[in-house]
Structures are given as structure tokens and as C-alpha cells.
Amino acid sequence: MVDGVVKKFEKKLEISGIGYQASVQGGDLVLKIGFTHPVAIVIPDGVEVKVEKNIVVITGRDKEAVGQFAAS
């Protein structure tokens, strides 16, 4: 089995803090993390983002793209 072809690469990030929220709006990951304004991060092609309560799940077939987006 070849990783990335059959099973996508995945990173999970936990958002921890009072009032901290994440959501996907269009092609952006929008974070409300204590600033006076929401922070929008453009989701690159080939990367999928899902938000489950306080967990942001980043998946994709390109391991480097998934890791780079998770690190940003």
C-alpha cells in the first residue's frame, strides 16, 4: 500500500482556550483566537480542512503540503 494514495495524510490540531473557535468559510480557515478580529488562513489546493468542535483536522495526499499548512 502506498501512503497518500489509498489513505490520505492527516494532522490533527487542538484549539485550547476560552472562547477560541475555528471554522471553514469558503476556501479559508477562520480562527477566532483572542484578537480583535478573526484570522483567516487560505487553504491551499490539495489540502482539506474539517473542524470538529475544538479539533482542526487537516488531510491531503501531499505529506509536505499537509505539514506546511499545519505548521502555519
Foldseek 3Di string as FASTA:
>chain_A
DDELPPHWDKDKDFDDDPPWDWDDDDQWIWIDNPDPDIDTDGQDPQWDWDDDGRMIMITGSDPVSSVVVVVD
